[in-house]
Amino acid sequence: MIATAIALQDATKDAVMNKEMISLAYSLYKNKDIMDEREFANAIFDYSAHLSSLTATLVLNAVLTKSQISEMMDTIKEMENMEKDITND
């Protein structure tokens, strides 16, 4: 349990400290004065979405094995196909 908590903490830290994320954050900070409110809001949203996605990916890799991730993805695809079948009927 402690190992899992540490793995989650490390995954979150790795996402936040990711080289690309730091570059994106720096770019946002550096260019904030030349963007209008809408552009800045969109840029912040994109940054947030990218950070969330990266964090989720790293957390999944920290707590699940590759076979468990593959099984989860197969289940998601199966559920999506079932949804399509239901909505098409």
PDB file of N, CA and C in Angstrom:
ATOM      1  N   MET A   1       0.827  -1.192   0.000  1.00  0.00           N
ATOM      2  CA  MET A   1       0.000   0.000   0.000  1.00  0.00           C
ATOM      3  C   MET A   1       0.872   1.257   0.000  1.00  0.00           C
ATOM      4  N   ILE A   2       1.911   1.255   0.825  1.00  0.00           N
ATOM      5  CA  ILE A   2       2.834   2.393   0.863  1.00  0.00           C
ATOM      6  C   ILE A   2       3.539   2.515  -0.489  1.00  0.00           C
ATOM      7  N   ALA A   3       3.938   1.387  -1.062  1.00  0.00           N
ATOM      8  CA  ALA A   3       4.617   1.407  -2.357  1.00  0.00           C
ATOM      9  C   ALA A   3       3.716   2.002  -3.444  1.00  0.00           C
ATOM     10  N   THR A   4       2.434   1.673  -3.395  1.00  0.00           N
ATOM     11  CA  THR A   4       1.489   2.218  -4.366  1.00  0.00           C
ATOM     12  C   THR A   4       1.342   3.721  -4.184  1.00  0.00           C
ATOM     13  N   ALA A   5       1.240   4.172  -2.945  1.00  0.00           N
ATOM     14  CA  ALA A   5       1.129   5.609  -2.670  1.00  0.00           C
ATOM     15  C   ALA A   5       2.359   6.350  -3.168  1.00  0.00           C
ATOM     16  N   ILE A   6       3.515   5.784  -2.952  1.00  0.00           N
ATOM     17  CA  ILE A   6       4.754   6.412  -3.422  1.00  0.00           C
ATOM     18  C   ILE A   6       4.800   6.421  -4.947  1.00  0.00           C
ATOM     19  N   ALA A   7       4.356   5.327  -5.572  1.00  0.00           N
ATOM     20  CA  ALA A   7       4.319   5.263  -7.036  1.00  0.00           C
ATOM     21  C   ALA A   7       3.380   6.320  -7.603  1.00  0.00           C
ATOM     22  N   LEU A   8       2.230   6.527  -6.955  1.00  0.00           N
ATOM     23  CA  LEU A   8       1.293   7.561  -7.389  1.00  0.00           C
ATOM     24  C   LEU A   8       1.896   8.954  -7.238  1.00  0.00           C
ATOM     25  N   GLN A   9       2.542   9.172  -6.116  1.00  0.00           N
ATOM     26  CA  GLN A   9       3.184  10.463  -5.869  1.00  0.00           C
ATOM     27  C   GLN A   9       4.279  10.710  -6.908  1.00  0.00           C
ATOM     28  N   ASP A  10       5.086   9.710  -7.186  1.00  0.00           N
ATOM     29  CA  ASP A  10       6.155   9.851  -8.174  1.00  0.00           C
ATOM     30  C   ASP A  10       5.600  10.099  -9.576  1.00  0.00           C
ATOM     31  N   ALA A  11       4.531   9.411  -9.925  1.00  0.00           N
ATOM     32  CA  ALA A  11       3.919   9.598 -11.243  1.00  0.00           C
ATOM     33  C   ALA A  11       3.403  11.022 -11.399  1.00  0.00           C
ATOM     34  N   THR A  12       2.786  11.546 -10.356  1.00  0.00           N
ATOM     35  CA  THR A  12       2.284  12.914 -10.395  1.00  0.00           C
ATOM     36  C   THR A  12       3.437  13.903 -10.516  1.00  0.00           C
ATOM     37  N   LYS A  13       4.478  13.687  -9.736  1.00  0.00           N
ATOM     38  CA  LYS A  13       5.658  14.562  -9.799  1.00  0.00           C
ATOM     39  C   LYS A  13       6.292  14.499 -11.180  1.00  0.00           C
ATOM     40  N   ASP A  14       6.409  13.306 -11.733  1.00  0.00           N
ATOM     41  CA  ASP A  14       7.011  13.146 -13.056  1.00  0.00           C
ATOM     42  C   ASP A  14       6.202  13.870 -14.127  1.00  0.00           C
ATOM     43  N   ALA A  15       4.889  13.871 -14.004  1.00  0.00           N
ATOM     44  CA  ALA A  15       4.042  14.578 -14.965  1.00  0.00           C
ATOM     45  C   ALA A  15       4.248  16.085 -14.859  1.00  0.00           C
ATOM     46  N   VAL A  16       4.231  16.594 -13.652  1.00  0.00           N
ATOM     47  CA  VAL A  16       4.380  18.041 -13.448  1.00  0.00           C
ATOM     48  C   VAL A  16       5.767  18.516 -13.865  1.00  0.00           C
ATOM     49  N   MET A  17       6.771  17.705 -13.591  1.00  0.00           N
ATOM     50  CA  MET A  17       8.149  18.087 -13.887  1.00  0.00           C
ATOM     51  C   MET A  17       8.619  17.618 -15.268  1.00  0.00           C
ATOM     52  N   ASN A  18       7.706  17.104 -16.079  1.00  0.00           N
ATOM     53  CA  ASN A  18       8.015  16.662 -17.430  1.00  0.00           C
ATOM     54  C   ASN A  18       8.570  17.837 -18.241  1.00  0.00           C
ATOM     55  N   LYS A  19       9.617  17.575 -19.010  1.00  0.00           N
ATOM     56  CA  LYS A  19      10.296  18.629 -19.770  1.00  0.00           C
ATOM     57  C   LYS A  19       9.329  19.394 -20.682  1.00  0.00           C
ATOM     58  N   GLU A  20       8.467  18.669 -21.370  1.00  0.00           N
ATOM     59  CA  GLU A  20       7.497  19.317 -22.257  1.00  0.00           C
ATOM     60  C   GLU A  20       6.505  20.172 -21.473  1.00  0.00           C
ATOM     61  N   MET A  21       6.070  19.667 -20.304  1.00  0.00           N
ATOM     62  CA  MET A  21       5.115  20.429 -19.489  1.00  0.00           C
ATOM     63  C   MET A  21       5.758  21.713 -18.970  1.00  0.00           C
ATOM     64  N   ILE A  22       7.008  21.617 -18.558  1.00  0.00           N
ATOM     65  CA  ILE A  22       7.705  22.810 -18.074  1.00  0.00           C
ATOM     66  C   ILE A  22       7.863  23.825 -19.205  1.00  0.00           C
ATOM     67  N   SER A  23       8.204  23.349 -20.396  1.00  0.00           N
ATOM     68  CA  SER A  23       8.339  24.248 -21.552  1.00  0.00           C
ATOM     69  C   SER A  23       7.006  24.912 -21.882  1.00  0.00           C
ATOM     70  N   LEU A  24       5.935  24.150 -21.821  1.00  0.00           N
ATOM     71  CA  LEU A  24       4.616  24.708 -22.099  1.00  0.00           C
ATOM     72  C   LEU A  24       4.232  25.748 -21.052  1.00  0.00           C
ATOM     73  N   ALA A  25       4.484  25.443 -19.789  1.00  0.00           N
ATOM     74  CA  ALA A  25       4.176  26.404 -18.727  1.00  0.00           C
ATOM     75  C   ALA A  25       4.999  27.680 -18.893  1.00  0.00           C
ATOM     76  N   TYR A  26       6.282  27.518 -19.236  1.00  0.00           N
ATOM     77  CA  TYR A  26       7.140  28.687 -19.446  1.00  0.00           C
ATOM     78  C   TYR A  26       6.629  29.523 -20.614  1.00  0.00           C
ATOM     79  N   SER A  27       6.237  28.857 -21.683  1.00  0.00           N
ATOM     80  CA  SER A  27       5.701  29.564 -22.845  1.00  0.00           C
ATOM     81  C   SER A  27       4.439  30.344 -22.488  1.00  0.00           C
ATOM     82  N   LEU A  28       3.556  29.726 -21.705  1.00  0.00           N
ATOM     83  CA  LEU A  28       2.340  30.421 -21.262  1.00  0.00           C
ATOM     84  C   LEU A  28       2.693  31.671 -20.455  1.00  0.00           C
ATOM     85  N   TYR A  29       3.622  31.514 -19.530  1.00  0.00           N
ATOM     86  CA  TYR A  29       4.028  32.639 -18.689  1.00  0.00           C
ATOM     87  C   TYR A  29       4.669  33.747 -19.530  1.00  0.00           C
ATOM     88  N   LYS A  30       5.547  33.344 -20.427  1.00  0.00           N
ATOM     89  CA  LYS A  30       6.283  34.307 -21.236  1.00  0.00           C
ATOM     90  C   LYS A  30       5.363  35.081 -22.187  1.00  0.00           C
ATOM     91  N   ASN A  31       4.331  34.422 -22.706  1.00  0.00           N
ATOM     92  CA  ASN A  31       3.465  35.034 -23.724  1.00  0.00           C
ATOM     93  C   ASN A  31       2.118  35.515 -23.194  1.00  0.00           C
ATOM     94  N   LYS A  32       1.942  35.479 -21.889  1.00  0.00           N
ATOM     95  CA  LYS A  32       0.622  35.819 -21.325  1.00  0.00           C
ATOM     96  C   LYS A  32       0.182  37.239 -21.661  1.00  0.00           C
ATOM     97  N   ASP A  33       1.115  38.162 -21.789  1.00  0.00           N
ATOM     98  CA  ASP A  33       0.750  39.556 -22.039  1.00  0.00           C
ATOM     99  C   ASP A  33       0.402  39.838 -23.495  1.00  0.00           C
ATOM    100  N   ILE A  34       0.770  38.951 -24.407  1.00  0.00           N
ATOM    101  CA  ILE A  34       0.455  39.195 -25.815  1.00  0.00           C
ATOM    102  C   ILE A  34      -0.797  38.438 -26.272  1.00  0.00           C
ATOM    103  N   MET A  35      -1.367  37.640 -25.370  1.00  0.00           N
ATOM    104  CA  MET A  35      -2.599  36.922 -25.691  1.00  0.00           C
ATOM    105  C   MET A  35      -3.796  37.683 -25.141  1.00  0.00           C
ATOM    106  N   ASP A  36      -4.903  37.635 -25.894  1.00  0.00           N
ATOM    107  CA  ASP A  36      -6.122  38.198 -25.315  1.00  0.00           C
ATOM    108  C   ASP A  36      -6.695  37.182 -24.325  1.00  0.00           C
ATOM    109  N   GLU A  37      -7.754  37.546 -23.634  1.00  0.00           N
ATOM    110  CA  GLU A  37      -8.312  36.688 -22.583  1.00  0.00           C
ATOM    111  C   GLU A  37      -8.735  35.325 -23.121  1.00  0.00           C
ATOM    112  N   ARG A  38      -9.343  35.308 -24.298  1.00  0.00           N
ATOM    113  CA  ARG A  38      -9.819  34.049 -24.873  1.00  0.00           C
ATOM    114  C   ARG A  38      -8.647  33.134 -25.247  1.00  0.00           C
ATOM    115  N   GLU A  39      -7.631  33.694 -25.866  1.00  0.00           N
ATOM    116  CA  GLU A  39      -6.451  32.898 -26.233  1.00  0.00           C
ATOM    117  C   GLU A  39      -5.768  32.339 -24.987  1.00  0.00           C
ATOM    118  N   PHE A  40      -5.653  33.182 -23.957  1.00  0.00           N
ATOM    119  CA  PHE A  40      -5.004  32.747 -22.731  1.00  0.00           C
ATOM    120  C   PHE A  40      -5.819  31.641 -22.050  1.00  0.00           C
ATOM    121  N   ALA A  41      -7.142  31.811 -22.022  1.00  0.00           N
ATOM    122  CA  ALA A  41      -8.009  30.791 -21.427  1.00  0.00           C
ATOM    123  C   ALA A  41      -7.874  29.469 -22.193  1.00  0.00           C
ATOM    124  N   ASN A  42      -7.854  29.530 -23.511  1.00  0.00           N
ATOM    125  CA  ASN A  42      -7.677  28.320 -24.319  1.00  0.00           C
ATOM    126  C   ASN A  42      -6.320  27.677 -24.062  1.00  0.00           C
ATOM    127  N   ALA A  43      -5.285  28.497 -23.944  1.00  0.00           N
ATOM    128  CA  ALA A  43      -3.938  27.969 -23.685  1.00  0.00           C
ATOM    129  C   ALA A  43      -3.871  27.298 -22.317  1.00  0.00           C
ATOM    130  N   ILE A  44      -4.487  27.909 -21.321  1.00  0.00           N
ATOM    131  CA  ILE A  44      -4.520  27.313 -19.972  1.00  0.00           C
ATOM    132  C   ILE A  44      -5.298  26.002 -19.998  1.00  0.00           C
ATOM    133  N   PHE A  45      -6.406  25.983 -20.727  1.00  0.00           N
ATOM    134  CA  PHE A  45      -7.195  24.749 -20.848  1.00  0.00           C
ATOM    135  C   PHE A  45      -6.362  23.646 -21.503  1.00  0.00           C
ATOM    136  N   ASP A  46      -5.672  23.988 -22.597  1.00  0.00           N
ATOM    137  CA  ASP A  46      -4.830  22.996 -23.276  1.00  0.00           C
ATOM    138  C   ASP A  46      -3.739  22.474 -22.351  1.00  0.00           C
ATOM    139  N   TYR A  47      -3.105  23.372 -21.608  1.00  0.00           N
ATOM    140  CA  TYR A  47      -2.064  22.973 -20.659  1.00  0.00           C
ATOM    141  C   TYR A  47      -2.646  22.024 -19.606  1.00  0.00           C
ATOM    142  N   SER A  48      -3.780  22.395 -19.063  1.00  0.00           N
ATOM    143  CA  SER A  48      -4.425  21.589 -18.032  1.00  0.00           C
ATOM    144  C   SER A  48      -4.815  20.207 -18.565  1.00  0.00           C
ATOM    145  N   ALA A  49      -5.368  20.173 -19.765  1.00  0.00           N
ATOM    146  CA  ALA A  49      -5.778  18.896 -20.365  1.00  0.00           C
ATOM    147  C   ALA A  49      -4.555  18.011 -20.620  1.00  0.00           C
ATOM    148  N   HIS A  50      -3.489  18.604 -21.107  1.00  0.00           N
ATOM    149  CA  HIS A  50      -2.274  17.831 -21.376  1.00  0.00           C
ATOM    150  C   HIS A  50      -1.684  17.295 -20.074  1.00  0.00           C
ATOM    151  N   LEU A  51      -1.633  18.138 -19.056  1.00  0.00           N
ATOM    152  CA  LEU A  51      -1.096  17.711 -17.762  1.00  0.00           C
ATOM    153  C   LEU A  51      -1.953  16.598 -17.154  1.00  0.00           C
ATOM    154  N   SER A  52      -3.262  16.749 -17.238  1.00  0.00           N
ATOM    155  CA  SER A  52      -4.162  15.714 -16.706  1.00  0.00           C
ATOM    156  C   SER A  52      -3.986  14.393 -17.434  1.00  0.00           C
ATOM    157  N   SER A  53      -3.889  14.463 -18.743  1.00  0.00           N
ATOM    158  CA  SER A  53      -3.714  13.250 -19.545  1.00  0.00           C
ATOM    159  C   SER A  53      -2.389  12.564 -19.233  1.00  0.00           C
ATOM    160  N   LEU A  54      -1.333  13.348 -19.156  1.00  0.00           N
ATOM    161  CA  LEU A  54      -0.026  12.779 -18.841  1.00  0.00           C
ATOM    162  C   LEU A  54      -0.024  12.164 -17.444  1.00  0.00           C
ATOM    163  N   THR A  55      -0.629  12.860 -16.488  1.00  0.00           N
ATOM    164  CA  THR A  55      -0.700  12.335 -15.122  1.00  0.00           C
ATOM    165  C   THR A  55      -1.477  11.023 -15.092  1.00  0.00           C
ATOM    166  N   ALA A  56      -2.611  10.977 -15.760  1.00  0.00           N
ATOM    167  CA  ALA A  56      -3.420   9.752 -15.791  1.00  0.00           C
ATOM    168  C   ALA A  56      -2.641   8.600 -16.415  1.00  0.00           C
ATOM    169  N   THR A  57      -1.925   8.870 -17.497  1.00  0.00           N
ATOM    170  CA  THR A  57      -1.132   7.833 -18.153  1.00  0.00           C
ATOM    171  C   THR A  57      -0.042   7.302 -17.228  1.00  0.00           C
ATOM    172  N   LEU A  58       0.678   8.209 -16.588  1.00  0.00           N
ATOM    173  CA  LEU A  58       1.759   7.783 -15.692  1.00  0.00           C
ATOM    174  C   LEU A  58       1.219   7.053 -14.464  1.00  0.00           C
ATOM    175  N   VAL A  59       0.075   7.492 -13.960  1.00  0.00           N
ATOM    176  CA  VAL A  59      -0.534   6.810 -12.807  1.00  0.00           C
ATOM    177  C   VAL A  59      -0.970   5.403 -13.208  1.00  0.00           C
ATOM    178  N   LEU A  60      -1.609   5.284 -14.370  1.00  0.00           N
ATOM    179  CA  LEU A  60      -2.012   3.952 -14.842  1.00  0.00           C
ATOM    180  C   LEU A  60      -0.809   3.028 -14.957  1.00  0.00           C
ATOM    181  N   ASN A  61       0.259   3.544 -15.529  1.00  0.00           N
ATOM    182  CA  ASN A  61       1.466   2.728 -15.678  1.00  0.00           C
ATOM    183  C   ASN A  61       2.086   2.376 -14.327  1.00  0.00           C
ATOM    184  N   ALA A  62       1.865   3.214 -13.330  1.00  0.00           N
ATOM    185  CA  ALA A  62       2.431   2.969 -12.003  1.00  0.00           C
ATOM    186  C   ALA A  62       1.661   1.905 -11.228  1.00  0.00           C
ATOM    187  N   VAL A  63       0.345   1.816 -11.470  1.00  0.00           N
ATOM    188  CA  VAL A  63      -0.463   0.919 -10.641  1.00  0.00           C
ATOM    189  C   VAL A  63      -0.984  -0.325 -11.364  1.00  0.00           C
ATOM    190  N   LEU A  64      -0.898  -0.330 -12.697  1.00  0.00           N
ATOM    191  CA  LEU A  64      -1.379  -1.480 -13.454  1.00  0.00           C
ATOM    192  C   LEU A  64      -0.251  -2.081 -14.286  1.00  0.00           C
ATOM    193  N   THR A  65      -0.317  -3.372 -14.484  1.00  0.00           N
ATOM    194  CA  THR A  65       0.634  -4.025 -15.380  1.00  0.00           C
ATOM    195  C   THR A  65       0.193  -3.780 -16.823  1.00  0.00           C
ATOM    196  N   LYS A  66       1.087  -4.048 -17.759  1.00  0.00           N
ATOM    197  CA  LYS A  66       0.755  -3.864 -19.166  1.00  0.00           C
ATOM    198  C   LYS A  66      -0.439  -4.728 -19.572  1.00  0.00           C
ATOM    199  N   SER A  67      -0.509  -5.945 -19.056  1.00  0.00           N
ATOM    200  CA  SER A  67      -1.634  -6.817 -19.409  1.00  0.00           C
ATOM    201  C   SER A  67      -2.943  -6.284 -18.819  1.00  0.00           C
ATOM    202  N   GLN A  68      -2.891  -5.704 -17.622  1.00  0.00           N
ATOM    203  CA  GLN A  68      -4.096  -5.124 -17.024  1.00  0.00           C
ATOM    204  C   GLN A  68      -4.558  -3.896 -17.822  1.00  0.00           C
ATOM    205  N   ILE A  69      -3.609  -3.096 -18.279  1.00  0.00           N
ATOM    206  CA  ILE A  69      -3.956  -1.925 -19.099  1.00  0.00           C
ATOM    207  C   ILE A  69      -4.574  -2.394 -20.414  1.00  0.00           C
ATOM    208  N   SER A  70      -3.986  -3.411 -21.022  1.00  0.00           N
ATOM    209  CA  SER A  70      -4.509  -3.946 -22.275  1.00  0.00           C
ATOM    210  C   SER A  70      -5.926  -4.486 -22.083  1.00  0.00           C
ATOM    211  N   GLU A  71      -6.140  -5.204 -20.992  1.00  0.00           N
ATOM    212  CA  GLU A  71      -7.475  -5.739 -20.683  1.00  0.00           C
ATOM    213  C   GLU A  71      -8.479  -4.607 -20.473  1.00  0.00           C
ATOM    214  N   MET A  72      -8.060  -3.563 -19.785  1.00  0.00           N
ATOM    215  CA  MET A  72      -8.929  -2.415 -19.548  1.00  0.00           C
ATOM    216  C   MET A  72      -9.299  -1.747 -20.871  1.00  0.00           C
ATOM    217  N   MET A  73      -8.317  -1.572 -21.761  1.00  0.00           N
ATOM    218  CA  MET A  73      -8.579  -0.948 -23.056  1.00  0.00           C
ATOM    219  C   MET A  73      -9.531  -1.810 -23.897  1.00  0.00           C
ATOM    220  N   ASP A  74      -9.350  -3.123 -23.849  1.00  0.00           N
ATOM    221  CA  ASP A  74     -10.254  -4.022 -24.562  1.00  0.00           C
ATOM    222  C   ASP A  74     -11.679  -3.901 -24.037  1.00  0.00           C
ATOM    223  N   THR A  75     -11.818  -3.807 -22.727  1.00  0.00           N
ATOM    224  CA  THR A  75     -13.142  -3.653 -22.108  1.00  0.00           C
ATOM    225  C   THR A  75     -13.782  -2.335 -22.525  1.00  0.00           C
ATOM    226  N   ILE A  76     -12.988  -1.265 -22.561  1.00  0.00           N
ATOM    227  CA  ILE A  76     -13.508   0.040 -22.986  1.00  0.00           C
ATOM    228  C   ILE A  76     -13.996  -0.035 -24.427  1.00  0.00           C
ATOM    229  N   LYS A  77     -13.198  -0.649 -25.290  1.00  0.00           N
ATOM    230  CA  LYS A  77     -13.609  -0.798 -26.702  1.00  0.00           C
ATOM    231  C   LYS A  77     -14.886  -1.617 -26.824  1.00  0.00           C
ATOM    232  N   GLU A  78     -14.971  -2.678 -26.041  1.00  0.00           N
ATOM    233  CA  GLU A  78     -16.171  -3.518 -26.056  1.00  0.00           C
ATOM    234  C   GLU A  78     -17.390  -2.717 -25.617  1.00  0.00           C
ATOM    235  N   MET A  79     -17.245  -1.922 -24.579  1.00  0.00           N
ATOM    236  CA  MET A  79     -18.357  -1.098 -24.091  1.00  0.00           C
ATOM    237  C   MET A  79     -18.754  -0.055 -25.138  1.00  0.00           C
ATOM    238  N   GLU A  80     -17.776   0.533 -25.815  1.00  0.00           N
ATOM    239  CA  GLU A  80     -18.074   1.509 -26.864  1.00  0.00           C
ATOM    240  C   GLU A  80     -18.831   0.848 -28.011  1.00  0.00           C
ATOM    241  N   ASN A  81     -18.422  -0.356 -28.381  1.00  0.00           N
ATOM    242  CA  ASN A  81     -19.126  -1.083 -29.442  1.00  0.00           C
ATOM    243  C   ASN A  81     -20.548  -1.418 -29.033  1.00  0.00           C
ATOM    244  N   MET A  82     -20.737  -1.809 -27.786  1.00  0.00           N
ATOM    245  CA  MET A  82     -22.087  -2.097 -27.292  1.00  0.00           C
ATOM    246  C   MET A  82     -22.938  -0.839 -27.337  1.00  0.00           C
ATOM    247  N   GLU A  83     -22.367   0.289 -26.968  1.00  0.00           N
ATOM    248  CA  GLU A  83     -23.100   1.554 -27.000  1.00  0.00           C
ATOM    249  C   GLU A  83     -23.521   1.888 -28.431  1.00  0.00           C
ATOM    250  N   LYS A  84     -22.619   1.698 -29.387  1.00  0.00           N
ATOM    251  CA  LYS A  84     -22.935   1.947 -30.786  1.00  0.00           C
ATOM    252  C   LYS A  84     -24.064   1.036 -31.253  1.00  0.00           C
ATOM    253  N   ASP A  85     -23.994  -0.233 -30.881  1.00  0.00           N
ATOM    254  CA  ASP A  85     -25.036  -1.185 -31.261  1.00  0.00           C
ATOM    255  C   ASP A  85     -26.390  -0.791 -30.698  1.00  0.00           C
ATOM    256  N   ILE A  86     -26.391  -0.338 -29.447  1.00  0.00           N
ATOM    257  CA  ILE A  86     -27.642   0.049 -28.790  1.00  0.00           C
ATOM    258  C   ILE A  86     -28.217   1.296 -29.426  1.00  0.00           C
ATOM    259  N   THR A  87     -27.370   2.293 -29.707  1.00  0.00           N
ATOM    260  CA  THR A  87     -27.876   3.549 -30.264  1.00  0.00           C
ATOM    261  C   THR A  87     -28.272   3.413 -31.725  1.00  0.00           C
ATOM    262  N   ASN A  88     -27.748   2.414 -32.425  1.00  0.00           N
ATOM    263  CA  ASN A  88     -28.102   2.199 -33.834  1.00  0.00           C
ATOM    264  C   ASN A  88     -29.399   1.429 -33.991  1.00  0.00           C
ATOM    265  N   ASP A  89     -29.851   0.770 -32.936  1.00  0.00           N
ATOM    266  CA  ASP A  89     -31.095  -0.015 -33.015  1.00  0.00           C
ATOM    267  C   ASP A  89     -32.315   0.834 -32.832  1.00  0.00           C
TER     268      ASP A  89
END
